[in-house]
Protein backbone atom coordinates (compact mmCIF):
# COMPACT_ATOMS: atom_id res chain seq x y z
CA MET A 1 -278.73 -60.60 -82.31
CA ALA A 2 -277.24 -61.53 -79.13
CA ALA A 3 -277.22 -58.84 -76.38
CA ARG A 4 -273.34 -59.20 -76.69
CA ASP A 5 -271.19 -59.99 -79.70
CA TYR A 6 -267.93 -61.04 -79.59
CA GLY A 7 -267.16 -61.33 -83.18
CA GLN A 8 -265.77 -64.95 -83.21
CA TYR A 9 -267.23 -68.07 -84.77
CA CYS A 10 -266.85 -70.59 -81.83
CA GLY A 11 -269.35 -72.68 -79.84
CA VAL A 12 -268.18 -71.19 -76.46
CA THR A 13 -268.49 -67.73 -77.95
CA ARG A 14 -272.03 -68.49 -79.15
CA ALA A 15 -272.82 -69.91 -75.66
CA LEU A 16 -271.62 -66.68 -73.74
CA GLU A 17 -273.70 -64.78 -76.28
CA LEU A 18 -276.66 -66.54 -75.17
CA VAL A 19 -276.28 -66.86 -71.46
CA GLY A 20 -273.22 -65.05 -70.58
CA GLU A 21 -274.87 -61.83 -69.84
CA ARG A 22 -275.32 -60.85 -65.89
CA TRP A 23 -278.06 -62.86 -63.80
CA ALA A 24 -278.98 -65.23 -67.05
CA LEU A 25 -277.39 -68.37 -65.56
CA LEU A 26 -278.86 -67.58 -62.28
CA ILE A 27 -282.38 -67.51 -63.82
CA ILE A 28 -281.69 -70.67 -65.88
CA ARG A 29 -280.38 -72.24 -62.60
CA ASP A 30 -283.66 -71.21 -60.93
CA LEU A 31 -285.89 -72.52 -63.82
CA LEU A 32 -283.74 -75.90 -63.59
CA VAL A 33 -285.60 -76.60 -60.20
CA GLY A 34 -288.89 -75.79 -61.90
CA PRO A 35 -291.30 -73.20 -63.74
CA ARG A 36 -291.41 -69.93 -61.96
CA ARG A 37 -293.64 -66.96 -62.05
CA TYR A 38 -291.98 -63.66 -62.88
CA GLY A 39 -292.59 -62.53 -59.01
CA GLU A 40 -291.16 -65.85 -57.86
CA LEU A 41 -287.84 -65.23 -60.10
CA ALA A 42 -287.71 -61.78 -58.79
CA ALA A 43 -288.10 -62.96 -55.10
CA GLY A 44 -285.33 -65.77 -55.71
CA LEU A 45 -282.82 -62.88 -57.19
CA PRO A 46 -283.71 -60.22 -54.75
CA ARG A 47 -280.67 -58.02 -55.76
CA ILE A 48 -281.75 -58.28 -59.60
CA PRO A 49 -283.11 -55.10 -60.99
CA SER A 50 -286.73 -55.54 -62.26
CA ASN A 51 -285.74 -53.94 -65.53
CA ILE A 52 -282.62 -56.41 -65.90
CA LEU A 53 -284.92 -59.32 -65.32
CA ALA A 54 -287.30 -58.53 -67.75
CA ALA A 55 -284.46 -57.88 -70.25
CA ARG A 56 -282.80 -61.01 -69.48
CA LEU A 57 -286.15 -62.95 -69.71
CA LYS A 58 -287.02 -61.67 -73.20
CA GLU A 59 -283.45 -62.37 -74.21
CA LEU A 60 -283.68 -66.26 -73.26
CA GLN A 61 -286.98 -66.31 -74.93
CA GLU A 62 -285.68 -64.87 -77.89
CA ALA A 63 -282.64 -67.45 -77.89
CA GLY A 64 -285.30 -70.44 -77.69
CA ILE A 65 -283.81 -71.24 -73.93
CA ILE A 66 -287.17 -70.46 -71.88
CA ARG A 67 -290.41 -69.88 -72.84
CA ARG A 68 -293.63 -68.30 -71.23
CA ALA A 69 -296.50 -70.92 -70.40
CA PRO A 70 -299.99 -70.79 -69.09
CA ARG A 71 -300.36 -72.63 -65.71
CA SER A 72 -303.75 -72.68 -63.72
CA ARG A 73 -304.46 -69.01 -65.16
CA VAL A 74 -300.99 -67.52 -64.42
CA ILE A 75 -298.24 -67.39 -66.79
CA VAL A 76 -295.06 -69.11 -65.66
CA TYR A 77 -291.54 -69.13 -67.26
CA GLU A 78 -289.97 -72.52 -67.93
CA LEU A 79 -287.17 -74.08 -69.75
CA THR A 80 -287.64 -75.54 -73.25
CA PRO A 81 -285.76 -78.88 -73.78
CA TYR A 82 -282.76 -76.98 -75.42
CA GLY A 83 -282.50 -74.75 -72.15
CA ARG A 84 -282.79 -78.07 -70.32
CA GLU A 85 -279.55 -78.98 -71.90
CA LEU A 86 -277.72 -76.49 -69.85
CA GLU A 87 -278.12 -78.56 -66.63
CA PRO A 88 -275.27 -80.52 -66.74
CA VAL A 89 -273.24 -77.24 -67.57
CA VAL A 90 -274.85 -75.63 -64.43
CA LEU A 91 -274.21 -78.38 -62.60
CA ALA A 92 -270.48 -78.45 -63.41
CA LEU A 93 -270.16 -74.88 -62.82
CA GLY A 94 -271.50 -75.25 -59.46
CA THR A 95 -268.76 -77.99 -58.59
CA TRP A 96 -266.11 -75.61 -60.20
CA GLY A 97 -267.25 -72.81 -58.25
CA PHE A 98 -267.71 -74.49 -54.85
CA LYS A 99 -264.07 -75.05 -54.71
CA ALA A 100 -263.68 -71.13 -54.45
CA MET A 101 -266.62 -70.19 -52.11
CA GLY A 102 -264.69 -69.98 -48.92
CA ASP A 103 -266.71 -68.59 -45.80
CA PRO A 104 -269.92 -66.85 -46.61
CA ARG A 105 -270.14 -63.11 -46.17
CA GLU A 106 -272.83 -61.58 -43.87
CA GLU A 107 -274.87 -60.18 -46.42
CA GLN A 108 -275.01 -63.40 -48.54
CA ILE A 109 -278.22 -65.90 -48.32
CA VAL A 110 -279.18 -69.27 -49.20
CA THR A 111 -282.46 -69.37 -51.41
CA PRO A 112 -284.57 -72.79 -51.70
CA ASP A 113 -283.66 -72.98 -55.57
CA SER A 114 -280.05 -72.26 -54.95
CA MET A 115 -279.62 -74.88 -52.29
CA THR A 116 -281.63 -77.08 -54.37
CA MET A 117 -279.15 -76.88 -57.00
CA ALA A 118 -276.41 -77.10 -54.75
CA LEU A 119 -277.69 -80.42 -53.32
CA ARG A 120 -277.98 -81.75 -56.99
CA THR A 121 -274.35 -80.75 -57.63
CA ALA A 122 -273.18 -82.57 -54.45
CA PHE A 123 -275.46 -85.70 -54.71
CA ARG A 124 -273.59 -89.01 -55.13
CA PRO A 125 -276.17 -91.68 -56.65
CA GLN A 126 -273.40 -93.90 -56.49
CA ILE A 127 -272.86 -93.75 -52.67
CA ALA A 128 -276.89 -93.30 -52.27
CA ALA A 129 -277.30 -96.53 -54.14
CA ASP A 130 -276.07 -98.80 -51.23
CA LEU A 131 -277.87 -96.70 -48.46
CA PRO A 132 -281.34 -97.04 -46.83
CA THR A 133 -284.35 -94.64 -48.24
CA THR A 134 -283.68 -91.52 -46.05
CA VAL A 135 -285.68 -88.30 -45.79
CA TYR A 136 -283.99 -85.31 -44.48
CA GLY A 137 -285.90 -82.15 -43.41
CA ALA A 138 -283.45 -79.02 -44.08
CA HIS A 139 -283.79 -75.66 -42.73
CA PHE A 140 -281.37 -73.15 -44.48
CA GLY A 141 -282.13 -69.71 -43.20
CA ALA A 142 -285.84 -69.24 -44.52
CA ALA A 143 -285.37 -72.07 -47.14
CA GLU A 144 -286.99 -75.10 -45.92
CA LEU A 145 -286.62 -78.40 -48.07
CA LEU A 146 -287.66 -81.91 -47.99
CA ILE A 147 -284.85 -84.30 -49.38
CA ARG A 148 -285.62 -87.78 -50.22
CA VAL A 149 -283.19 -89.99 -51.26
CA ASN A 150 -284.04 -93.54 -52.54
CA GLY A 151 -280.98 -95.38 -53.87
CA PRO A 152 -279.74 -93.45 -56.56
CA THR A 153 -282.94 -91.18 -57.13
CA LEU A 154 -282.52 -87.63 -55.49
CA ASP A 155 -286.18 -85.69 -55.02
CA VAL A 156 -286.04 -82.08 -53.30
CA ALA A 157 -289.05 -80.35 -52.40
CA ARG A 158 -289.85 -77.17 -50.71
CA GLY A 159 -291.64 -77.19 -47.44
CA ASP A 160 -291.62 -79.48 -44.32
CA GLY A 161 -293.01 -82.77 -43.68
CA PRO A 162 -292.20 -85.99 -41.89
CA ALA A 163 -288.30 -86.64 -42.06
CA ASP A 164 -285.96 -89.29 -40.52
CA LEU A 165 -283.70 -86.56 -39.41
CA ALA A 166 -284.76 -82.59 -39.66
CA PHE A 167 -281.67 -80.23 -39.21
CA SER A 168 -281.18 -76.69 -39.42
CA ALA A 169 -277.99 -75.06 -40.83
CA GLY A 170 -276.62 -71.96 -42.39
CA PRO A 171 -274.25 -71.14 -44.96
CA GLY A 172 -271.78 -73.05 -43.11
CA ILE A 173 -273.09 -76.45 -44.42
CA ARG A 174 -270.49 -75.98 -47.02
CA ARG A 175 -267.81 -77.09 -44.40
CA LEU A 176 -269.96 -80.47 -43.74
CA ILE A 177 -270.15 -80.90 -47.55
CA SER A 178 -266.43 -80.35 -48.17
CA GLY A 179 -265.46 -82.70 -45.44
CA GLU A 180 -263.76 -80.17 -43.67
CA LEU A 181 -266.01 -80.51 -40.65
CA ALA A 182 -266.91 -84.27 -39.58
CA PRO A 183 -270.98 -84.66 -38.66
CA GLY A 184 -270.25 -84.87 -35.10
CA ALA A 185 -268.38 -81.72 -34.93
CA ALA A 186 -270.79 -80.18 -37.09
CA ILE A 187 -273.43 -80.54 -34.39
CA GLU A 188 -270.88 -79.72 -31.31
CA THR A 189 -269.70 -76.56 -32.86
CA GLY A 190 -273.22 -75.38 -33.60
CA VAL A 191 -272.93 -75.39 -37.67
CA VAL A 192 -275.72 -77.95 -37.63
CA GLU A 193 -278.71 -78.11 -35.14
CA VAL A 194 -280.57 -81.24 -35.01
CA LEU A 195 -284.26 -80.25 -34.73
CA HIS A 196 -285.68 -83.88 -34.46
CA GLY A 197 -284.93 -87.23 -35.52
CA ARG A 198 -281.84 -89.41 -35.32
CA GLY A 199 -278.73 -87.13 -35.23
CA ASP A 200 -276.32 -90.00 -36.51
CA LEU A 201 -278.20 -89.75 -39.89
CA LEU A 202 -275.90 -86.57 -40.63
CA GLY A 203 -273.03 -88.81 -41.48
CA ARG A 204 -275.21 -90.53 -44.12
CA PHE A 205 -276.04 -87.10 -45.13
CA ALA A 206 -272.35 -85.84 -45.50
CA ASP A 207 -271.62 -89.36 -47.26
CA THR A 208 -274.29 -88.87 -49.57
CA PHE A 209 -273.82 -85.13 -50.40
CA HIS A 210 -270.15 -84.38 -50.91
CA LEU A 211 -268.16 -81.75 -52.91
CA ALA A 212 -264.45 -81.71 -52.68
CA ALA A 213 -263.05 -78.19 -51.81
């Protein structure tokens, strides 16, 4: 039985019974990036109580959305094929929620997995298809990502490496992605700091990753 029973026979109702509990969709969001150990999930969701994380993982397993799998002598959680069907739902929610984000609060953080999914949400393959292959090294607070755009294909990996443009930015990157702030102004105002590489490629980044606010 679902953790919450709304008493209605409806697809939306059933979906909410399966993934509508607090933290459930954020666990799914992070697992869409890749399999995670229990500790990695806890680290990526620093405010989730341990008992709630354990409960949500159990509920999602019972629903057939995630599964436990052995990886190099450790156990990881991963999405099942049924669970991966939630990806367009999560991306659509990200697009919808972006419009209401506003400016970040001081206590809000950006995690590698949350930023990876934000980039997937904002990615415009139809624009990238006509642009040269570009690698960006992005530092969002403690999150370091290597973003490779090869035509309409996007690959985001954790860590650092050779990049055409490496930059650092806080949650204020939202203003660049929304088009509220032009690339040149983002650099001039300190919203984006160019670490190395071609600063003019920030314009290409803004064209490739865009969400209307």
